[in-house]
Amino acid sequence: MSVTLTEAAAEKVLGLLAQQDNPDLHLRIFVSGGGCSGFQYGFTFDEQVKDNDTVVESHGVKLLVDPMSLDLIKGAEIDYEKGLQGESFVIRNPNAAATCGCGKSFTPSENGGCANAGY
């Protein structure tokens, strides 16, 4: 089980990548310590695929995930939603027991769970 993008998220990422005008860029998804709930999600564009990265292709987008982050987001689905409060990426993470009110950080669950985080 790995990380996936919905079609809406992939469309948004492909649009952002096109603006960068660099065909070697990929989307790196990572988790770092911090935020209100202990861990926070991060996204960046990266040209380098590291030796220990997991590389996932989802709807035409190449995702790069380091091993530590993959342990915390394995099975997550990343969506892109538009609503009354604006547009954002939403992460549905089966490994999150709870997310912060800000929607950008989470508390991992030892036994699984599902909490949504907006980014």
N, C-alpha and C. Protein backbone atom coordinates (compact mmCIF):
# COMPACT_ATOMS: atom_id res chain seq x y z
N MET A 1 0.85 -1.18 0.00
CA MET A 1 0.00 0.00 0.00
C MET A 1 0.89 1.23 0.00
N SER A 2 0.53 2.21 -0.82
CA SER A 2 1.36 3.39 -0.96
C SER A 2 0.52 4.65 -0.89
N VAL A 3 1.08 5.75 -1.30
CA VAL A 3 0.39 7.03 -1.32
C VAL A 3 -0.20 7.24 -2.70
N THR A 4 -1.43 7.76 -2.78
CA THR A 4 -2.05 8.01 -4.07
C THR A 4 -2.60 9.44 -4.13
N LEU A 5 -2.74 9.91 -5.36
CA LEU A 5 -3.38 11.19 -5.63
C LEU A 5 -4.72 10.91 -6.30
N THR A 6 -5.71 11.73 -6.00
CA THR A 6 -6.94 11.67 -6.76
C THR A 6 -6.69 12.36 -8.10
N GLU A 7 -7.63 12.21 -9.02
CA GLU A 7 -7.48 12.89 -10.31
C GLU A 7 -7.44 14.41 -10.13
N ALA A 8 -8.24 14.93 -9.20
CA ALA A 8 -8.26 16.38 -8.96
C ALA A 8 -6.91 16.87 -8.43
N ALA A 9 -6.32 16.11 -7.51
CA ALA A 9 -5.01 16.50 -6.97
C ALA A 9 -3.94 16.41 -8.05
N ALA A 10 -3.98 15.34 -8.83
CA ALA A 10 -2.99 15.18 -9.89
C ALA A 10 -3.08 16.32 -10.91
N GLU A 11 -4.30 16.70 -11.27
CA GLU A 11 -4.49 17.80 -12.21
C GLU A 11 -3.88 19.09 -11.68
N LYS A 12 -4.09 19.37 -10.38
CA LYS A 12 -3.53 20.58 -9.77
C LYS A 12 -2.01 20.51 -9.74
N VAL A 13 -1.47 19.38 -9.35
CA VAL A 13 0.00 19.22 -9.28
C VAL A 13 0.61 19.36 -10.67
N LEU A 14 0.00 18.73 -11.67
CA LEU A 14 0.53 18.84 -13.04
C LEU A 14 0.52 20.29 -13.51
N GLY A 15 -0.51 21.04 -13.14
CA GLY A 15 -0.56 22.46 -13.49
C GLY A 15 0.54 23.25 -12.81
N LEU A 16 0.79 22.96 -11.53
CA LEU A 16 1.87 23.64 -10.80
C LEU A 16 3.24 23.27 -11.38
N LEU A 17 3.40 22.00 -11.73
CA LEU A 17 4.68 21.57 -12.33
C LEU A 17 4.91 22.26 -13.67
N ALA A 18 3.86 22.41 -14.46
CA ALA A 18 3.97 23.07 -15.77
C ALA A 18 4.44 24.51 -15.61
N GLN A 19 4.01 25.17 -14.55
CA GLN A 19 4.42 26.55 -14.30
C GLN A 19 5.91 26.66 -13.98
N GLN A 20 6.50 25.58 -13.49
CA GLN A 20 7.92 25.59 -13.13
C GLN A 20 8.82 25.46 -14.35
N ASP A 21 8.28 24.99 -15.46
CA ASP A 21 9.02 24.85 -16.71
C ASP A 21 10.32 24.04 -16.54
N ASN A 22 10.21 22.93 -15.79
CA ASN A 22 11.35 22.04 -15.57
C ASN A 22 10.83 20.60 -15.61
N PRO A 23 11.06 19.89 -16.70
CA PRO A 23 10.51 18.53 -16.84
C PRO A 23 11.11 17.51 -15.88
N ASP A 24 12.18 17.87 -15.17
CA ASP A 24 12.83 16.95 -14.24
C ASP A 24 12.25 17.01 -12.83
N LEU A 25 11.30 17.90 -12.59
CA LEU A 25 10.74 18.04 -11.25
C LEU A 25 9.69 16.97 -10.96
N HIS A 26 9.70 16.52 -9.70
CA HIS A 26 8.72 15.57 -9.18
C HIS A 26 8.17 16.13 -7.88
N LEU A 27 7.04 15.62 -7.43
CA LEU A 27 6.47 16.06 -6.17
C LEU A 27 7.01 15.20 -5.03
N ARG A 28 7.67 15.85 -4.08
CA ARG A 28 8.15 15.16 -2.88
C ARG A 28 7.15 15.45 -1.76
N ILE A 29 6.70 14.37 -1.13
CA ILE A 29 5.80 14.46 0.02
C ILE A 29 6.58 13.99 1.24
N PHE A 30 6.52 14.78 2.31
CA PHE A 30 7.29 14.39 3.50
C PHE A 30 6.53 14.74 4.77
N VAL A 31 6.97 14.13 5.85
CA VAL A 31 6.43 14.40 7.17
C VAL A 31 7.59 14.86 8.03
N SER A 32 7.37 15.93 8.79
CA SER A 32 8.40 16.40 9.71
C SER A 32 7.78 16.64 11.08
N GLY A 33 8.61 16.67 12.09
CA GLY A 33 8.14 16.96 13.43
C GLY A 33 7.72 18.42 13.53
N GLY A 34 6.64 18.66 14.25
CA GLY A 34 6.18 20.03 14.42
C GLY A 34 4.68 20.13 14.26
N GLY A 35 4.21 21.35 14.22
CA GLY A 35 2.77 21.57 14.12
C GLY A 35 2.10 21.37 15.46
N CYS A 36 0.84 21.61 15.49
CA CYS A 36 0.07 21.53 16.73
C CYS A 36 -0.08 20.11 17.26
N SER A 37 -0.04 19.12 16.36
CA SER A 37 -0.32 17.75 16.78
C SER A 37 0.91 16.84 16.78
N GLY A 38 2.08 17.39 16.53
CA GLY A 38 3.29 16.58 16.62
C GLY A 38 3.99 16.33 15.30
N PHE A 39 3.23 16.12 14.23
CA PHE A 39 3.81 15.89 12.91
C PHE A 39 3.08 16.76 11.90
N GLN A 40 3.80 17.22 10.89
CA GLN A 40 3.15 18.01 9.85
C GLN A 40 3.56 17.51 8.47
N TYR A 41 2.64 17.69 7.53
CA TYR A 41 2.87 17.30 6.15
C TYR A 41 3.62 18.41 5.42
N GLY A 42 4.40 18.00 4.43
CA GLY A 42 5.06 18.98 3.59
C GLY A 42 5.10 18.51 2.15
N PHE A 43 5.09 19.47 1.25
CA PHE A 43 5.18 19.21 -0.19
C PHE A 43 6.26 20.11 -0.76
N THR A 44 7.04 19.59 -1.66
CA THR A 44 8.00 20.40 -2.38
C THR A 44 8.27 19.75 -3.73
N PHE A 45 8.81 20.51 -4.64
CA PHE A 45 9.25 19.94 -5.91
C PHE A 45 10.72 19.58 -5.79
N ASP A 46 11.10 18.46 -6.38
CA ASP A 46 12.47 17.97 -6.25
C ASP A 46 12.90 17.31 -7.55
N GLU A 47 14.13 17.57 -7.97
CA GLU A 47 14.68 16.94 -9.17
C GLU A 47 15.35 15.61 -8.85
N GLN A 48 15.82 15.46 -7.61
CA GLN A 48 16.61 14.28 -7.25
C GLN A 48 15.77 13.18 -6.62
N VAL A 49 15.94 11.99 -7.15
CA VAL A 49 15.37 10.79 -6.54
C VAL A 49 16.50 10.18 -5.72
N LYS A 50 16.31 10.14 -4.40
CA LYS A 50 17.35 9.59 -3.52
C LYS A 50 17.27 8.06 -3.53
N ASP A 51 18.39 7.44 -3.19
CA ASP A 51 18.49 5.98 -3.23
C ASP A 51 17.41 5.28 -2.41
N ASN A 52 17.04 5.86 -1.27
CA ASN A 52 16.08 5.18 -0.39
C ASN A 52 14.64 5.69 -0.58
N ASP A 53 14.40 6.56 -1.55
CA ASP A 53 13.04 7.05 -1.82
C ASP A 53 12.15 5.95 -2.37
N THR A 54 10.90 6.00 -2.01
CA THR A 54 9.88 5.22 -2.71
C THR A 54 9.32 6.13 -3.78
N VAL A 55 9.26 5.63 -5.00
CA VAL A 55 8.75 6.41 -6.12
C VAL A 55 7.42 5.80 -6.53
N VAL A 56 6.39 6.65 -6.56
CA VAL A 56 5.05 6.20 -6.90
C VAL A 56 4.54 7.07 -8.04
N GLU A 57 3.94 6.44 -9.03
CA GLU A 57 3.31 7.18 -10.13
C GLU A 57 1.80 7.12 -9.89
N SER A 58 1.17 8.30 -9.87
CA SER A 58 -0.27 8.37 -9.64
C SER A 58 -0.87 9.40 -10.58
N HIS A 59 -1.69 8.96 -11.52
CA HIS A 59 -2.35 9.83 -12.49
C HIS A 59 -1.36 10.74 -13.22
N GLY A 60 -0.21 10.20 -13.57
CA GLY A 60 0.77 10.97 -14.33
C GLY A 60 1.73 11.80 -13.51
N VAL A 61 1.61 11.77 -12.20
CA VAL A 61 2.50 12.51 -11.31
C VAL A 61 3.43 11.53 -10.62
N LYS A 62 4.72 11.82 -10.66
CA LYS A 62 5.69 10.99 -9.94
C LYS A 62 5.87 11.56 -8.54
N LEU A 63 5.54 10.74 -7.53
CA LEU A 63 5.66 11.12 -6.12
C LEU A 63 6.92 10.52 -5.53
N LEU A 64 7.65 11.29 -4.75
CA LEU A 64 8.84 10.81 -4.04
C LEU A 64 8.55 10.87 -2.55
N VAL A 65 8.83 9.77 -1.84
CA VAL A 65 8.59 9.71 -0.40
C VAL A 65 9.76 9.03 0.28
N ASP A 66 10.32 9.66 1.30
CA ASP A 66 11.42 9.05 2.05
C ASP A 66 10.85 7.97 2.99
N PRO A 67 11.71 7.04 3.45
CA PRO A 67 11.21 5.90 4.25
C PRO A 67 10.49 6.29 5.54
N MET A 68 11.01 7.26 6.29
CA MET A 68 10.37 7.65 7.55
C MET A 68 8.98 8.21 7.28
N SER A 69 8.89 9.08 6.28
CA SER A 69 7.59 9.67 5.94
C SER A 69 6.61 8.61 5.46
N LEU A 70 7.10 7.68 4.65
CA LEU A 70 6.23 6.63 4.13
C LEU A 70 5.60 5.82 5.26
N ASP A 71 6.35 5.55 6.32
CA ASP A 71 5.79 4.82 7.46
C ASP A 71 4.59 5.55 8.06
N LEU A 72 4.61 6.88 8.01
CA LEU A 72 3.54 7.67 8.63
C LEU A 72 2.39 7.99 7.69
N ILE A 73 2.61 7.85 6.37
CA ILE A 73 1.54 8.20 5.42
C ILE A 73 1.18 7.06 4.46
N LYS A 74 1.70 5.88 4.72
CA LYS A 74 1.39 4.73 3.86
C LYS A 74 -0.12 4.52 3.79
N GLY A 75 -0.63 4.43 2.58
CA GLY A 75 -2.06 4.25 2.38
C GLY A 75 -2.84 5.55 2.28
N ALA A 76 -2.17 6.69 2.41
CA ALA A 76 -2.87 7.98 2.37
C ALA A 76 -3.32 8.32 0.95
N GLU A 77 -4.40 9.04 0.89
CA GLU A 77 -4.91 9.57 -0.38
C GLU A 77 -4.86 11.09 -0.29
N ILE A 78 -4.31 11.70 -1.32
CA ILE A 78 -4.21 13.16 -1.38
C ILE A 78 -5.21 13.65 -2.42
N ASP A 79 -6.09 14.52 -1.99
CA ASP A 79 -7.13 15.06 -2.86
C ASP A 79 -6.92 16.57 -2.95
N TYR A 80 -7.59 17.19 -3.90
CA TYR A 80 -7.59 18.65 -4.02
C TYR A 80 -9.04 19.07 -4.07
N GLU A 81 -9.43 19.91 -3.11
CA GLU A 81 -10.83 20.29 -3.00
C GLU A 81 -11.00 21.79 -3.09
N LYS A 82 -12.11 22.18 -3.70
CA LYS A 82 -12.50 23.58 -3.79
C LYS A 82 -13.80 23.74 -3.02
N GLY A 83 -13.84 24.73 -2.15
CA GLY A 83 -15.04 24.94 -1.36
C GLY A 83 -15.22 26.40 -1.01
N LEU A 84 -16.16 26.67 -0.12
CA LEU A 84 -16.45 28.04 0.29
C LEU A 84 -15.26 28.70 0.97
N GLN A 85 -14.42 27.92 1.62
CA GLN A 85 -13.28 28.48 2.33
C GLN A 85 -12.01 28.48 1.49
N GLY A 86 -12.15 28.23 0.21
CA GLY A 86 -10.98 28.26 -0.68
C GLY A 86 -10.63 26.89 -1.21
N GLU A 87 -9.42 26.79 -1.74
CA GLU A 87 -8.93 25.56 -2.34
C GLU A 87 -7.77 25.03 -1.51
N SER A 88 -7.67 23.70 -1.40
CA SER A 88 -6.55 23.13 -0.66
C SER A 88 -6.40 21.65 -0.98
N PHE A 89 -5.19 21.17 -0.73
CA PHE A 89 -4.95 19.74 -0.77
C PHE A 89 -5.46 19.17 0.54
N VAL A 90 -6.09 18.02 0.47
CA VAL A 90 -6.62 17.34 1.66
C VAL A 90 -6.00 15.96 1.70
N ILE A 91 -5.43 15.60 2.84
CA ILE A 91 -4.77 14.31 3.00
C ILE A 91 -5.63 13.43 3.89
N ARG A 92 -6.03 12.30 3.34
CA ARG A 92 -6.78 11.30 4.11
C ARG A 92 -5.78 10.22 4.49
N ASN A 93 -5.38 10.25 5.74
CA ASN A 93 -4.29 9.40 6.20
C ASN A 93 -4.81 8.34 7.16
N PRO A 94 -4.75 7.06 6.76
CA PRO A 94 -5.23 6.00 7.65
C PRO A 94 -4.35 5.80 8.88
N ASN A 95 -3.19 6.45 8.91
CA ASN A 95 -2.28 6.32 10.05
C ASN A 95 -2.41 7.46 11.04
N ALA A 96 -3.33 8.38 10.81
CA ALA A 96 -3.52 9.53 11.69
C ALA A 96 -4.70 9.28 12.61
N ALA A 97 -4.46 9.43 13.89
CA ALA A 97 -5.53 9.28 14.87
C ALA A 97 -6.33 10.57 14.99
N ALA A 98 -5.66 11.71 14.77
CA ALA A 98 -6.31 13.01 14.89
C ALA A 98 -5.52 14.04 14.11
N THR A 99 -6.22 15.11 13.72
CA THR A 99 -5.54 16.24 13.09
C THR A 99 -5.83 17.48 13.91
N CYS A 100 -4.96 18.44 13.75
CA CYS A 100 -5.09 19.71 14.46
C CYS A 100 -6.20 20.54 13.82
N GLY A 101 -6.71 21.50 14.53
CA GLY A 101 -7.72 22.40 13.98
C GLY A 101 -7.25 23.14 12.75
N CYS A 102 -5.94 23.38 12.66
CA CYS A 102 -5.40 24.08 11.49
C CYS A 102 -5.42 23.18 10.26
N GLY A 103 -5.52 21.86 10.47
CA GLY A 103 -5.60 20.92 9.36
C GLY A 103 -4.28 20.58 8.72
N LYS A 104 -3.18 21.07 9.26
CA LYS A 104 -1.89 20.84 8.64
C LYS A 104 -0.98 19.90 9.43
N SER A 105 -1.42 19.48 10.58
CA SER A 105 -0.61 18.56 11.37
C SER A 105 -1.48 17.43 11.90
N PHE A 106 -0.81 16.35 12.35
CA PHE A 106 -1.56 15.19 12.79
C PHE A 106 -0.83 14.44 13.89
N THR A 107 -1.59 13.63 14.57
CA THR A 107 -1.05 12.71 15.57
C THR A 107 -1.16 11.32 14.99
N PRO A 108 -0.03 10.60 14.90
CA PRO A 108 -0.11 9.25 14.33
C PRO A 108 -0.81 8.29 15.27
N SER A 109 -1.43 7.30 14.68
CA SER A 109 -2.11 6.26 15.43
C SER A 109 -1.26 5.01 15.41
N GLU A 110 -1.19 4.33 16.52
CA GLU A 110 -0.44 3.07 16.57
C GLU A 110 -1.20 1.96 15.86
N ASN A 111 -2.53 2.04 15.89
CA ASN A 111 -3.35 0.96 15.33
C ASN A 111 -4.16 1.40 14.12
N GLY A 112 -3.78 2.50 13.50
CA GLY A 112 -4.55 2.99 12.36
C GLY A 112 -5.67 3.88 12.83
N GLY A 113 -6.33 4.47 11.95
CA GLY A 113 -7.38 5.43 12.20
C GLY A 113 -7.51 6.19 10.91
N CYS A 114 -8.34 7.15 10.83
CA CYS A 114 -8.39 7.96 9.61
C CYS A 114 -8.79 9.36 9.98
N ALA A 115 -7.88 10.27 9.76
CA ALA A 115 -8.16 11.67 10.00
C ALA A 115 -7.78 12.43 8.75
N ASN A 116 -8.56 13.42 8.42
CA ASN A 116 -8.30 14.23 7.22
C ASN A 116 -7.57 15.50 7.61
N ALA A 117 -6.60 15.86 6.81
CA ALA A 117 -5.87 17.10 7.03
C ALA A 117 -5.88 17.91 5.75
N GLY A 118 -6.16 19.19 5.86
CA GLY A 118 -6.13 20.07 4.69
C GLY A 118 -4.81 20.79 4.61
N TYR A 119 -4.35 21.02 3.43
CA TYR A 119 -3.07 21.69 3.25
C TYR A 119 -3.17 22.68 2.14
